[in-house]
């Protein structure tokens, strides 16, 4: 891609000298004899770099610099003058000039400054592009779905994001809790600061305090250097504490202090540090039940639960499945644009499936089809658990149920069916209640409630 440079100087010899020098380096060069002419060039063309004299009749170079930065802040600018003063240099740098060179200058010096100015310009553009990409990815476009529940979720995020309030995101595994945390961050005033995510359940208990708050050299065996913790790394931004219910009680007290006092102390340290961090916490557990059981501090729960966001499971918004399937298929098969990606029969099966793994399970399913080279998702390409679930539902036809002549106890009949299904789920999952609940598309709390109804919830 051609790099365009505009040289601005009221001296013809200087303009021509720089033009020849820069053209030999492969740049396309235009010349302007005044700041006024330069502004006409800038209005008609786009330039990667402007090299301008400071002392010129009419508008001077400093005034031109200000107008360039107002109109096209990404354009790199080098200032030059035979009357170099510290005051002019400081003023030019404050207004956004890359650097300042004094006449007479060396040819190699000009070459190096031009290359460096263009490299810095490229870096700023790349950073801007990446920031825009991240913001687009983690704004509401990162959360997919047009169902009523998702529209309500978007509205809540839009209200919560600009505030500094702590947020607690609750929901089953795979519902997109981290995406919500990122959407809150990238739609807040902290969007240009770090977003740091940590899964509290994946950190060994002995290392969790150091991971969160950092440590001083020699604080424990293996602490050979000072180390910044996640609160420091997220300074000015957002810290996402996933699976907050896994934090041990002893550390919960220290986490509570950070939320109350807005300061923390490294392990082995003696000085407190300020914690300018917004907390978004998440859990797939029932934290209120943990509070009742004594495994989670009530005061910490209320500190985190300033605003609560409940993530809907996929089975409660199955009308979003077609859009999600299309998005994931095109994500994993970019060349699939414009082709039919799922058959009606396969879509019907997906929309009747409970998806215990939620959106994450659906994406894995679509990716599996893509990896196996399927140009479309049909019934045969679906995993056996989905086809199997449908066949089991089909085998229990409502047509087979007959009301006896003497009538029936409907509540008792439904209770008996429910009890059998609960027992089958427990048997298939080896007695692990959490897995059995996921198998039936229930929350753990709801599953235990149903067990207790039949006197089956014995530890």
Protein backbone atom coordinates (compact mmCIF):
# COMPACT_ATOMS: atom_id res chain seq x y z
CA UNK A 1 0.00 0.00 0.00
CA UNK A 2 1.38 3.40 -1.04
CA UNK A 3 2.47 5.69 1.82
CA UNK A 4 1.63 9.35 1.19
CA UNK A 5 3.61 12.24 2.68
CA UNK A 6 2.86 15.98 2.56
CA UNK A 7 5.83 18.38 2.88
CA UNK A 8 4.92 21.92 3.99
CA UNK A 9 7.56 24.71 3.81
CA UNK A 10 7.64 28.23 2.37
CA UNK A 11 11.18 27.59 1.04
CA UNK A 12 11.08 25.92 -2.41
CA UNK A 13 14.59 24.45 -2.06
CA UNK A 14 13.72 22.76 1.24
CA UNK A 15 10.47 21.34 -0.15
CA UNK A 16 12.20 19.91 -3.22
CA UNK A 17 15.10 18.52 -1.19
CA UNK A 18 12.72 16.61 1.15
CA UNK A 19 10.52 15.48 -1.77
CA UNK A 20 13.51 13.94 -3.61
CA UNK A 21 14.78 12.32 -0.40
CA UNK A 22 11.42 10.78 0.48
CA UNK A 23 10.59 9.66 -3.08
CA UNK A 24 13.90 7.76 -3.18
CA UNK A 25 12.69 5.96 -0.03
CA UNK A 26 9.56 4.87 -1.91
CA UNK A 27 7.03 7.38 -0.55
CA UNK A 28 4.51 9.35 -2.64
CA UNK A 29 5.12 13.04 -1.88
CA UNK A 30 3.07 16.21 -2.34
CA UNK A 31 4.39 19.72 -1.64
CA UNK A 32 2.67 22.78 -0.15
CA UNK A 33 4.24 26.24 0.11
CA UNK A 34 1.98 27.38 3.01
CA UNK A 35 -0.22 26.05 5.80
CA UNK A 36 -3.28 27.31 3.93
CA UNK A 37 -2.32 25.30 0.82
CA UNK A 38 -1.56 22.30 3.01
CA UNK A 39 -5.10 22.39 4.43
CA UNK A 40 -6.49 22.29 0.88
CA UNK A 41 -4.33 19.21 0.15
CA UNK A 42 -5.48 17.58 3.41
CA UNK A 43 -9.11 18.21 2.58
CA UNK A 44 -8.74 16.56 -0.83
CA UNK A 45 -6.39 13.70 0.10
CA UNK A 46 -5.46 11.35 2.91
CA UNK A 47 -1.85 11.47 4.17
CA UNK A 48 0.07 9.10 6.40
CA UNK A 49 2.64 11.75 7.40
CA UNK A 50 2.95 15.53 7.30
CA UNK A 51 6.35 17.21 7.62
CA UNK A 52 5.87 20.90 8.30
CA UNK A 53 8.03 23.93 8.98
CA UNK A 54 7.08 25.96 12.06
CA UNK A 55 7.91 29.48 10.86
CA UNK A 56 5.75 30.37 7.82
CA UNK A 57 3.81 33.46 6.68
CA UNK A 58 0.11 33.39 7.56
CA UNK A 59 -0.79 30.27 9.55
CA UNK A 60 2.33 28.89 11.19
CA UNK A 61 3.25 25.23 11.63
CA UNK A 62 1.93 24.99 15.22
CA UNK A 63 -1.49 26.22 14.11
CA UNK A 64 -1.42 23.78 11.19
CA UNK A 65 -0.54 20.95 13.57
CA UNK A 66 -3.57 21.74 15.72
CA UNK A 67 -5.91 21.70 12.71
CA UNK A 68 -4.44 18.39 11.46
CA UNK A 69 -4.93 16.72 14.84
CA UNK A 70 -8.50 18.01 15.07
CA UNK A 71 -9.40 16.71 11.60
CA UNK A 72 -7.32 13.50 11.29
CA UNK A 73 -5.71 12.61 14.65
CA UNK A 74 -4.23 9.40 13.21
CA UNK A 75 -1.97 11.36 10.79
CA UNK A 76 1.66 11.44 11.97
CA UNK A 77 3.28 14.89 12.03
CA UNK A 78 6.96 15.92 12.15
CA UNK A 79 7.81 19.57 12.84
CA UNK A 80 10.97 21.35 11.64
CA UNK A 81 12.45 24.82 11.98
CA UNK A 82 15.68 26.74 11.85
CA UNK A 83 14.63 28.55 15.04
CA UNK A 84 14.50 25.66 17.43
CA UNK A 85 13.43 26.51 20.95
CA UNK A 86 12.45 24.33 23.87
CA UNK A 87 9.12 26.15 24.15
CA UNK A 88 8.18 25.33 20.55
CA UNK A 89 9.23 21.71 20.98
CA UNK A 90 7.07 21.30 24.11
CA UNK A 91 4.09 23.01 22.46
CA UNK A 92 4.38 20.83 19.35
CA UNK A 93 4.60 17.62 21.38
CA UNK A 94 1.62 18.63 23.50
CA UNK A 95 -0.44 19.13 20.35
CA UNK A 96 0.45 15.65 19.12
CA UNK A 97 3.57 16.01 16.96
CA UNK A 98 5.61 12.81 16.82
CA UNK A 99 8.93 14.66 17.02
CA UNK A 100 10.73 17.91 16.37
CA UNK A 101 13.86 18.40 14.24
CA UNK A 102 16.01 21.48 13.72
CA UNK A 103 17.48 22.71 10.46
CA UNK A 104 20.04 21.99 9.18
CA UNK A 105 19.51 18.27 9.70
CA UNK A 106 21.24 15.11 8.55
CA UNK A 107 19.68 12.97 5.82
CA UNK A 108 19.90 9.78 7.88
CA UNK A 109 18.26 11.56 10.81
CA UNK A 110 15.27 12.45 8.64
CA UNK A 111 14.99 8.88 7.28
CA UNK A 112 14.99 7.40 10.79
CA UNK A 113 12.46 9.90 12.15
CA UNK A 114 10.12 9.32 9.20
CA UNK A 115 10.29 5.52 9.62
CA UNK A 116 9.72 5.77 13.38
CA UNK A 117 6.81 8.20 12.99
CA UNK A 118 5.11 5.90 10.47
CA UNK A 119 5.71 2.83 12.65
CA UNK A 120 4.13 4.58 15.63
CA UNK A 121 1.20 5.64 13.44
CA UNK A 122 0.75 2.01 12.30
CA UNK A 123 0.89 0.79 15.90
CA UNK A 124 -1.77 3.28 16.99
CA UNK A 125 -4.00 2.23 14.10
CA UNK A 126 -3.57 -1.44 14.97
CA UNK A 127 -4.34 -0.79 18.63
CA UNK A 128 -7.41 1.17 17.61
CA UNK A 129 -8.52 -1.64 15.30
CA UNK A 130 -8.02 -4.28 17.99
CA UNK A 131 -9.83 -2.18 20.59
CA UNK A 132 -12.75 -1.73 18.20
CA UNK A 133 -12.74 -5.45 17.41
CA UNK A 134 -12.77 -6.34 21.10
CA UNK A 135 -15.53 -3.87 21.86
CA UNK A 136 -17.66 -5.19 18.98
CA UNK A 137 -17.01 -8.77 20.02
CA UNK A 138 -17.86 -8.21 23.66
CA UNK A 139 -20.58 -5.61 23.33
CA UNK A 140 -24.09 -6.99 22.98
CA UNK A 141 -23.05 -8.63 19.70
CA UNK A 142 -21.14 -11.18 21.79
CA UNK A 143 -24.45 -12.31 23.29
CA UNK A 144 -26.77 -13.89 20.76
CA UNK A 145 -30.51 -14.28 20.82
CA UNK A 146 -33.68 -12.32 20.16
CA UNK A 147 -35.94 -14.10 22.64
CA UNK A 148 -37.80 -12.15 25.33
CA UNK A 149 -35.41 -13.38 28.03
CA UNK A 150 -32.36 -12.22 26.07
CA UNK A 151 -33.90 -8.83 25.30
CA UNK A 152 -34.52 -8.39 29.01
CA UNK A 153 -30.89 -9.36 29.65
CA UNK A 154 -29.60 -6.76 27.17
CA UNK A 155 -31.73 -4.06 28.80
CA UNK A 156 -30.40 -4.95 32.25
CA UNK A 157 -26.76 -4.91 31.07
CA UNK A 158 -27.35 -1.54 29.41
CA UNK A 159 -28.61 -0.12 32.72
CA UNK A 160 -25.94 -1.73 34.91
CA UNK A 161 -22.82 -1.22 32.77
CA UNK A 162 -22.35 2.58 33.26
CA UNK A 163 -22.54 2.27 37.06
CA UNK A 164 -19.73 1.24 39.39
CA UNK A 165 -21.94 -1.32 41.18
CA UNK A 166 -20.69 -4.85 41.82
CA UNK A 167 -22.62 -7.44 39.81
CA UNK A 168 -23.40 -11.08 40.59
CA UNK A 169 -24.13 -13.27 37.55
CA UNK A 170 -25.87 -16.55 38.35
CA UNK A 171 -26.69 -19.40 36.03
CA UNK A 172 -25.91 -22.91 34.95
CA UNK A 173 -22.61 -23.85 33.33
CA UNK A 174 -22.39 -22.89 29.68
CA UNK A 175 -24.98 -20.10 29.74
CA UNK A 176 -22.46 -17.35 28.94
CA UNK A 177 -21.76 -15.73 32.31
CA UNK A 178 -18.30 -14.52 31.25
CA UNK A 179 -19.75 -12.99 28.07
CA UNK A 180 -22.11 -10.97 30.26
CA UNK A 181 -19.19 -9.84 32.43
CA UNK A 182 -17.27 -8.73 29.32
CA UNK A 183 -20.35 -6.96 27.92
CA UNK A 184 -20.68 -5.04 31.20
CA UNK A 185 -16.98 -4.07 31.09
CA UNK A 186 -16.86 -3.03 27.43
CA UNK A 187 -20.01 -0.94 27.77
CA UNK A 188 -18.72 0.90 30.84
CA UNK A 189 -16.39 3.85 31.39
CA UNK A 190 -13.67 1.29 32.24
CA UNK A 191 -13.64 -0.23 28.74
CA UNK A 192 -10.13 1.08 27.95
CA UNK A 193 -8.72 -0.48 31.12
CA UNK A 194 -7.98 -4.21 31.69
CA UNK A 195 -10.60 -6.93 31.90
CA UNK A 196 -9.14 -9.76 33.99
CA UNK A 197 -10.97 -13.08 34.40
CA UNK A 198 -10.17 -15.88 36.85
CA UNK A 199 -11.89 -19.18 37.59
CA UNK A 200 -11.70 -19.45 41.38
CA UNK A 201 -12.47 -23.16 41.19
CA UNK A 202 -9.34 -23.80 39.10
CA UNK A 203 -6.86 -22.29 41.60
CA UNK A 204 -5.46 -24.48 44.40
CA UNK A 205 -6.62 -23.18 47.77
CA UNK A 206 -3.02 -22.67 48.95
CA UNK A 207 -2.26 -20.36 46.01
CA UNK A 208 -5.54 -18.43 45.80
CA UNK A 209 -4.57 -15.55 48.13
CA UNK A 210 -1.31 -14.95 46.25
CA UNK A 211 -3.11 -15.18 42.91
CA UNK A 212 -5.65 -12.55 43.91
CA UNK A 213 -3.52 -10.14 45.94
CA UNK A 214 0.05 -10.87 44.83
CA UNK A 215 3.02 -11.52 47.13
CA UNK A 216 6.34 -10.09 48.25
CA UNK A 217 9.65 -11.80 47.64
CA UNK A 218 10.31 -14.40 50.35
CA UNK A 219 6.69 -14.47 51.57
CA UNK A 220 6.68 -18.27 51.21
CA UNK A 221 8.74 -21.05 49.66
CA UNK A 222 9.02 -20.40 45.95
CA UNK A 223 8.29 -16.65 46.18
CA UNK A 224 11.60 -15.67 44.58
CA UNK A 225 10.31 -12.31 43.27
CA UNK A 226 7.64 -9.74 44.02
CA UNK A 227 4.49 -10.58 42.05
CA UNK A 228 1.42 -8.49 41.26
CA UNK A 229 -1.91 -10.18 41.89
CA UNK A 230 -5.08 -10.02 39.84
CA UNK A 231 -6.40 -6.98 41.71
CA UNK A 232 -3.32 -5.03 40.63
CA UNK A 233 -3.43 -6.39 37.08
CA UNK A 234 -7.05 -5.26 36.77
CA UNK A 235 -6.28 -1.77 38.12
CA UNK A 236 -8.81 0.76 36.83
CA UNK A 237 -10.72 -2.01 35.06
CA UNK A 238 -12.90 -5.00 35.87
CA UNK A 239 -12.06 -8.22 37.72
CA UNK A 240 -14.31 -11.18 36.86
CA UNK A 241 -14.38 -13.76 39.65
CA UNK A 242 -15.95 -16.87 38.12
CA UNK A 243 -17.14 -19.67 40.42
CA UNK A 244 -16.97 -17.35 43.43
CA UNK A 245 -18.66 -20.06 45.51
CA UNK A 246 -15.40 -22.03 45.43
CA UNK A 247 -13.47 -19.41 47.46
CA UNK A 248 -12.63 -20.81 50.94
CA UNK A 249 -14.11 -19.07 53.99
CA UNK A 250 -10.77 -17.75 55.26
CA UNK A 251 -10.14 -15.95 51.98
CA UNK A 252 -13.74 -14.74 51.78
CA UNK A 253 -13.00 -12.52 54.80
CA UNK A 254 -10.05 -10.89 52.99
CA UNK A 255 -12.10 -10.47 49.84
CA UNK A 256 -14.81 -8.78 51.90
CA UNK A 257 -12.22 -6.32 53.27
CA UNK A 258 -11.20 -5.35 49.73
CA UNK A 259 -14.81 -4.65 48.81
CA UNK A 260 -15.41 -2.63 51.98
CA UNK A 261 -12.14 -0.71 52.33
CA UNK A 262 -11.13 -0.58 48.63
CA UNK A 263 -7.61 -1.69 49.54
CA UNK A 264 -5.60 -4.90 49.87
CA UNK A 265 -2.21 -6.14 50.96
CA UNK A 266 0.15 -8.50 49.15
CA UNK A 267 1.00 -11.77 50.91
CA UNK A 268 4.05 -10.99 53.06
CA UNK A 269 3.62 -7.25 52.57
CA UNK A 270 3.17 -4.53 55.18
CA UNK A 271 1.72 -1.73 53.05
CA UNK A 272 -1.89 -1.49 51.87
CA UNK A 273 -2.59 -0.76 48.20
CA UNK A 274 -5.64 0.89 46.72
CA UNK A 275 -8.01 -1.35 44.77
CA UNK A 276 -9.62 0.63 41.95
CA UNK A 277 -11.43 -2.37 40.52
CA UNK A 278 -15.01 -3.19 39.63
CA UNK A 279 -16.03 -6.70 40.65
CA UNK A 280 -18.26 -8.93 38.57
CA UNK A 281 -18.66 -12.32 40.25
CA UNK A 282 -20.39 -15.43 38.91
CA UNK A 283 -21.49 -18.83 40.11
CA UNK A 284 -23.41 -21.85 38.90
CA UNK A 285 -24.11 -22.73 42.54
CA UNK A 286 -26.98 -21.56 44.71
CA UNK A 287 -25.08 -19.03 46.85
CA UNK A 288 -28.05 -18.36 49.10
CA UNK A 289 -28.13 -22.06 49.95
CA UNK A 290 -24.38 -21.92 50.63
CA UNK A 291 -25.01 -18.99 52.99
CA UNK A 292 -27.60 -21.06 54.88
CA UNK A 293 -25.19 -24.00 55.03
CA UNK A 294 -22.42 -21.72 56.37
CA UNK A 295 -20.00 -22.29 53.47
CA UNK A 296 -20.36 -18.75 52.11
CA UNK A 297 -20.32 -15.51 54.13
CA UNK A 298 -23.63 -13.69 54.20
CA UNK A 299 -21.96 -10.24 54.35
CA UNK A 300 -19.80 -11.07 51.30
CA UNK A 301 -22.86 -12.31 49.42
CA UNK A 302 -24.66 -9.01 49.94
CA UNK A 303 -21.55 -7.02 48.96
CA UNK A 304 -21.34 -8.94 45.69
CA UNK A 305 -25.08 -9.07 45.08
CA UNK A 306 -25.66 -5.34 44.55
CA UNK A 307 -27.11 -6.16 41.13
CA UNK A 308 -28.01 -9.75 40.29
CA UNK A 309 -28.22 -11.06 36.73
CA UNK A 310 -29.83 -14.46 36.25
CA UNK A 311 -28.71 -16.19 33.06
CA UNK A 312 -31.50 -18.10 31.31
CA UNK A 313 -30.68 -21.72 30.40
CA UNK A 314 -30.89 -22.55 26.72
CA UNK A 315 -33.94 -24.78 27.22
CA UNK A 316 -35.87 -21.70 28.38
CA UNK A 317 -35.04 -19.78 25.20
CA UNK A 318 -34.97 -22.50 22.56
CA UNK A 319 -36.35 -20.04 19.98
CA UNK A 320 -32.78 -18.66 19.88
CA UNK A 321 -31.34 -22.01 18.74
CA UNK A 322 -31.65 -21.35 14.96
CA UNK A 323 -29.71 -18.07 15.25
CA UNK A 324 -27.09 -19.68 17.50
CA UNK A 325 -26.63 -22.65 15.16
CA UNK A 326 -26.14 -20.35 12.18
CA UNK A 327 -23.65 -18.16 14.07
CA UNK A 328 -21.56 -21.09 15.33
CA UNK A 329 -21.57 -22.88 11.98
CA UNK A 330 -20.33 -19.81 10.11
CA UNK A 331 -17.77 -19.24 12.87
CA UNK A 332 -16.28 -22.70 12.39
CA UNK A 333 -16.97 -22.94 8.62
CA UNK A 334 -16.42 -19.42 7.24
CA UNK A 335 -16.92 -20.65 3.66
CA UNK A 336 -20.46 -21.79 4.51
CA UNK A 337 -21.99 -18.39 3.79
CA UNK A 338 -25.11 -18.66 1.66
CA UNK A 339 -25.66 -22.41 2.11
CA UNK A 340 -28.42 -24.22 3.97
CA UNK A 341 -26.75 -25.22 7.23
CA UNK A 342 -29.37 -27.33 9.03
CA UNK A 343 -32.25 -29.50 7.90
CA UNK A 344 -35.74 -28.98 9.39
CA UNK A 345 -35.62 -32.43 11.02
CA UNK A 346 -32.32 -31.73 12.75
CA UNK A 347 -33.49 -28.31 13.92
CA UNK A 348 -36.64 -29.85 15.37
CA UNK A 349 -34.54 -32.33 17.36
CA UNK A 350 -32.26 -29.57 18.67
CA UNK A 351 -35.18 -27.42 19.74
CA UNK A 352 -36.75 -30.29 21.68
CA UNK A 353 -33.48 -31.23 23.45
CA UNK A 354 -32.83 -29.96 27.01
CA UNK A 355 -29.16 -28.99 26.50
CA UNK A 356 -27.85 -29.55 30.04
CA UNK A 357 -24.57 -27.97 28.86
CA UNK A 358 -26.47 -24.95 27.49
CA UNK A 359 -24.95 -22.71 24.78
CA UNK A 360 -21.48 -24.20 25.26
CA UNK A 361 -22.86 -27.67 24.49
CA UNK A 362 -24.62 -26.36 21.38
CA UNK A 363 -21.44 -24.72 20.07
CA UNK A 364 -19.44 -27.92 20.70
CA UNK A 365 -22.08 -29.86 18.77
CA UNK A 366 -21.93 -27.48 15.80
CA UNK A 367 -18.12 -27.46 15.86
CA UNK A 368 -18.14 -31.27 15.86
CA UNK A 369 -20.26 -31.27 12.71
CA UNK A 370 -17.86 -28.76 11.11
CA UNK A 371 -14.77 -30.79 12.06
CA UNK A 372 -16.31 -33.92 10.54
CA UNK A 373 -16.68 -32.03 7.27
CA UNK A 374 -20.47 -31.74 7.20
CA UNK A 375 -21.65 -28.95 4.88
CA UNK A 376 -25.00 -29.07 6.66
CA UNK A 377 -26.35 -30.43 9.92
CA UNK A 378 -28.83 -33.23 9.38
CA UNK A 379 -30.39 -35.78 11.74
CA UNK A 380 -27.66 -38.35 11.06
CA UNK A 381 -24.89 -35.92 12.00
CA UNK A 382 -26.36 -35.24 15.45
CA UNK A 383 -24.83 -36.95 18.52
CA UNK A 384 -26.52 -40.08 19.82
CA UNK A 385 -27.62 -38.44 23.09
CA UNK A 386 -29.83 -36.01 21.17
CA UNK A 387 -31.33 -38.65 18.89
CA UNK A 388 -31.64 -40.97 21.89
CA UNK A 389 -33.46 -38.38 23.99
CA UNK A 390 -35.95 -37.86 21.18
CA UNK A 391 -36.53 -41.57 20.67
CA UNK A 392 -37.24 -42.02 24.41
CA UNK A 393 -39.75 -39.20 24.33
CA UNK A 394 -41.34 -40.66 21.21
CA UNK A 395 -41.62 -44.14 22.76
CA UNK A 396 -43.73 -42.75 25.61
CA UNK A 397 -46.64 -41.63 23.49
CA UNK A 398 -49.58 -39.89 25.08
CA UNK A 399 -51.76 -42.15 22.92
CA UNK A 400 -50.73 -45.12 25.12
CA UNK A 401 -52.19 -43.53 28.27
CA UNK A 402 -55.81 -44.56 28.83
CA UNK A 403 -58.02 -43.26 31.63
CA UNK A 404 -59.69 -46.26 33.31
CA UNK A 405 -63.51 -46.35 33.47
CA UNK A 406 -63.48 -45.77 37.24
CA UNK A 407 -61.27 -42.68 36.83
CA UNK A 408 -57.78 -42.07 38.18
CA UNK A 409 -55.73 -40.08 40.68
CA UNK A 410 -53.86 -37.78 38.29
CA UNK A 411 -51.56 -36.26 40.93
CA UNK A 412 -50.55 -39.69 42.20
CA UNK A 413 -50.00 -40.98 38.67
CA UNK A 414 -47.77 -38.01 37.74
CA UNK A 415 -45.89 -38.32 41.03
CA UNK A 416 -45.14 -41.96 40.29
CA UNK A 417 -43.80 -41.10 36.83
CA UNK A 418 -41.69 -38.27 38.26
CA UNK A 419 -40.27 -40.55 40.97
CA UNK A 420 -39.29 -43.20 38.41
CA UNK A 421 -37.55 -40.60 36.22
CA UNK A 422 -35.62 -39.19 39.21
CA UNK A 423 -34.48 -42.70 40.18
CA UNK A 424 -33.42 -43.51 36.62
CA UNK A 425 -31.41 -40.28 36.41
CA UNK A 426 -29.65 -41.02 39.71
CA UNK A 427 -28.88 -44.57 38.61
CA UNK A 428 -27.48 -43.45 35.26
CA UNK A 429 -25.28 -40.80 36.96
CA UNK A 430 -23.95 -43.13 39.65
CA UNK A 431 -25.86 -41.35 42.39
CA UNK A 432 -24.26 -37.94 41.66
CA UNK A 433 -27.15 -35.54 42.13
CA UNK A 434 -25.59 -32.62 40.30
CA UNK A 435 -25.08 -34.70 37.15
CA UNK A 436 -28.57 -36.18 37.46
CA UNK A 437 -30.02 -32.69 37.69
CA UNK A 438 -28.13 -31.66 34.54
CA UNK A 439 -29.34 -34.80 32.76
CA UNK A 440 -32.94 -33.79 33.43
CA UNK A 441 -32.36 -30.12 32.65
CA UNK A 442 -33.05 -29.06 36.25
CA UNK A 443 -31.15 -26.82 38.62
CA UNK A 444 -29.50 -28.63 41.50
CA UNK A 445 -31.84 -26.89 43.93
CA UNK A 446 -34.92 -27.92 41.97
CA UNK A 447 -33.67 -31.51 41.72
CA UNK A 448 -33.11 -31.73 45.48
CA UNK A 449 -36.55 -30.25 46.10
CA UNK A 450 -38.14 -32.96 43.97
CA UNK A 451 -36.15 -35.67 45.74
CA UNK A 452 -37.20 -34.30 49.14
CA UNK A 453 -40.85 -34.42 48.02
CA UNK A 454 -40.53 -38.20 47.81
CA UNK A 455 -38.28 -38.57 50.88
CA UNK A 456 -35.29 -39.41 48.67
CA UNK A 457 -32.94 -36.52 49.55
CA UNK A 458 -30.84 -38.31 52.14
CA UNK A 459 -27.13 -37.48 52.30
